[in-house]
N, C-alpha and C. Protein backbone atom coordinates (compact mmCIF):
# COMPACT_ATOMS: atom_id res chain seq x y z
N UNK A 1 86.04 113.02 102.26
CA UNK A 1 87.49 113.61 101.83
C UNK A 1 88.52 112.03 102.31
N UNK A 2 89.68 112.38 101.62
CA UNK A 2 90.55 111.15 102.28
C UNK A 2 90.92 110.86 103.88
N UNK A 3 91.58 109.69 103.65
CA UNK A 3 91.64 108.86 105.22
C UNK A 3 92.95 108.23 105.22
N UNK A 4 94.08 108.75 105.99
CA UNK A 4 95.45 108.13 105.94
C UNK A 4 95.38 107.00 106.88
N UNK A 5 95.42 105.70 106.71
CA UNK A 5 95.99 105.05 108.61
C UNK A 5 97.37 104.88 108.65
N UNK A 6 97.90 104.88 109.33
CA UNK A 6 99.12 104.24 110.02
C UNK A 6 99.34 102.69 110.03
N UNK A 7 100.45 101.98 109.32
CA UNK A 7 100.28 100.55 109.48
C UNK A 7 100.72 99.83 110.58
N UNK A 8 101.28 101.09 110.99
CA UNK A 8 101.97 100.42 112.58
C UNK A 8 100.90 100.57 113.45
N UNK A 9 100.29 101.80 113.83
CA UNK A 9 99.78 101.94 115.35
C UNK A 9 98.30 101.93 114.87
N UNK A 10 97.79 102.41 113.20
CA UNK A 10 96.68 102.49 112.88
C UNK A 10 96.00 103.86 113.26
N UNK A 11 97.08 105.32 113.46
CA UNK A 11 96.42 105.97 113.75
C UNK A 11 95.78 106.67 112.41
N UNK A 12 94.99 107.68 112.31
CA UNK A 12 94.11 107.60 110.95
C UNK A 12 94.56 109.36 110.85
N UNK A 13 95.15 109.67 109.84
CA UNK A 13 95.04 111.22 109.75
C UNK A 13 94.00 111.86 108.37
N UNK A 14 92.68 112.55 109.12
CA UNK A 14 91.66 112.72 108.39
C UNK A 14 91.98 114.24 107.61
N UNK A 15 91.71 114.45 106.65
CA UNK A 15 92.29 115.35 105.80
C UNK A 15 91.15 116.23 106.00
N UNK A 16 90.24 116.50 106.51
CA UNK A 16 88.71 117.23 106.85
C UNK A 16 89.37 117.84 108.33
N UNK A 17 89.98 116.94 109.10
CA UNK A 17 90.48 117.68 110.35
C UNK A 17 91.86 118.13 110.56
N UNK A 18 92.77 117.50 110.03
CA UNK A 18 94.75 118.14 110.00
C UNK A 18 94.54 117.74 111.35
N UNK A 19 95.47 118.38 111.74
CA UNK A 19 96.35 118.46 113.00
C UNK A 19 96.99 119.77 113.65
N UNK A 20 95.49 120.12 114.01
CA UNK A 20 96.05 121.38 114.49
C UNK A 20 96.98 121.80 115.47
N UNK A 21 96.72 120.70 116.46
CA UNK A 21 97.72 120.95 117.55
C UNK A 21 99.26 121.26 116.76
N UNK A 22 99.67 120.01 115.71
CA UNK A 22 100.59 119.81 115.18
C UNK A 22 101.01 121.21 114.05
N UNK A 23 100.20 121.98 114.09
CA UNK A 23 100.48 123.05 112.87
C UNK A 23 99.76 122.74 111.56
N UNK A 24 98.86 121.38 111.83
CA UNK A 24 98.52 121.47 109.96
C UNK A 24 97.23 121.63 109.97
N UNK A 25 96.44 122.62 109.28
CA UNK A 25 95.15 122.90 109.31
C UNK A 25 94.43 121.88 108.52
N UNK A 26 93.06 122.20 108.94
CA UNK A 26 92.04 121.38 108.54
C UNK A 26 92.18 121.70 107.10
N UNK A 27 91.79 120.24 105.96
CA UNK A 27 91.78 120.19 104.51
C UNK A 27 92.96 120.29 103.58
N UNK A 28 94.10 119.86 104.74
CA UNK A 28 95.57 119.71 104.45
C UNK A 28 96.09 118.01 104.06
N UNK A 29 95.86 117.96 102.40
CA UNK A 29 95.85 116.92 101.90
C UNK A 29 97.30 116.40 102.40
N UNK A 30 96.66 115.12 102.27
CA UNK A 30 98.12 114.18 102.53
C UNK A 30 99.16 114.31 101.70
N UNK A 31 99.26 114.75 100.61
CA UNK A 31 100.01 115.16 99.78
C UNK A 31 101.20 115.85 99.94
N UNK A 32 100.49 117.20 100.64
CA UNK A 32 101.27 118.58 100.87
C UNK A 32 101.58 118.73 102.89
N UNK A 33 101.56 117.59 103.27
CA UNK A 33 102.48 117.36 104.33
C UNK A 33 103.71 117.21 104.41
N UNK A 34 104.76 117.56 105.12
CA UNK A 34 106.37 117.63 104.73
C UNK A 34 106.57 116.35 104.60
N UNK A 35 107.35 116.16 103.88
CA UNK A 35 108.35 114.68 103.14
C UNK A 35 108.67 114.34 104.63
N UNK A 36 109.23 114.91 105.46
CA UNK A 36 109.29 114.76 106.70
C UNK A 36 108.51 114.06 107.99
N UNK A 37 107.44 114.48 107.72
CA UNK A 37 106.32 114.44 108.67
C UNK A 37 106.38 112.90 109.25
N UNK A 38 105.97 112.76 109.93
CA UNK A 38 106.24 111.10 110.97
C UNK A 38 104.78 111.30 111.72
N UNK A 39 104.21 110.03 111.90
CA UNK A 39 103.01 109.42 112.61
C UNK A 39 103.10 110.58 114.57
N UNK A 40 102.23 111.44 114.58
CA UNK A 40 101.98 111.33 115.91
C UNK A 40 102.55 110.93 116.55
N UNK A 41 101.96 109.72 116.60
CA UNK A 41 102.23 108.76 117.71
C UNK A 41 103.06 107.84 118.06
N UNK A 42 103.00 107.08 116.87
CA UNK A 42 104.28 105.84 117.06
C UNK A 42 105.58 106.59 115.62
N UNK A 43 105.49 107.87 115.41
CA UNK A 43 106.84 108.47 115.10
C UNK A 43 107.60 107.63 113.22
N UNK A 44 106.42 106.79 112.88
CA UNK A 44 107.02 106.55 111.30
C UNK A 44 106.34 107.25 110.33
N UNK A 45 107.65 107.61 109.14
CA UNK A 45 107.33 107.85 108.33
C UNK A 45 106.55 107.73 107.31
N UNK A 46 105.69 108.92 107.22
CA UNK A 46 104.88 109.00 105.98
C UNK A 46 104.65 108.23 104.60
N UNK A 47 105.64 107.45 104.48
CA UNK A 47 105.58 105.85 103.79
C UNK A 47 104.86 105.28 104.13
N UNK A 48 104.55 104.70 105.48
CA UNK A 48 104.13 103.98 106.46
C UNK A 48 102.52 104.17 106.61
N UNK A 49 101.94 104.86 105.68
CA UNK A 49 100.26 104.98 105.76
C UNK A 49 99.98 104.76 104.40
N UNK A 50 98.96 103.91 104.76
CA UNK A 50 97.96 103.78 102.92
C UNK A 50 96.47 104.18 102.97
N UNK A 51 96.28 104.52 101.98
CA UNK A 51 94.84 105.54 101.96
C UNK A 51 93.83 104.37 102.24
N UNK A 52 92.55 105.11 102.84
CA UNK A 52 91.49 104.36 103.13
C UNK A 52 90.80 104.27 102.63
């Protein structure tokens, strides 16, 4: 599946894992994340993520 990397801090959003602690279920695609979603580590917007 897909992984997306934060261009600022290097955090990886793994679609297979989601972020259950933040209410994001496994298998939630990056495109399905809310438009106002931000990196859970550094707070940058999803526009600053790049597909791995």
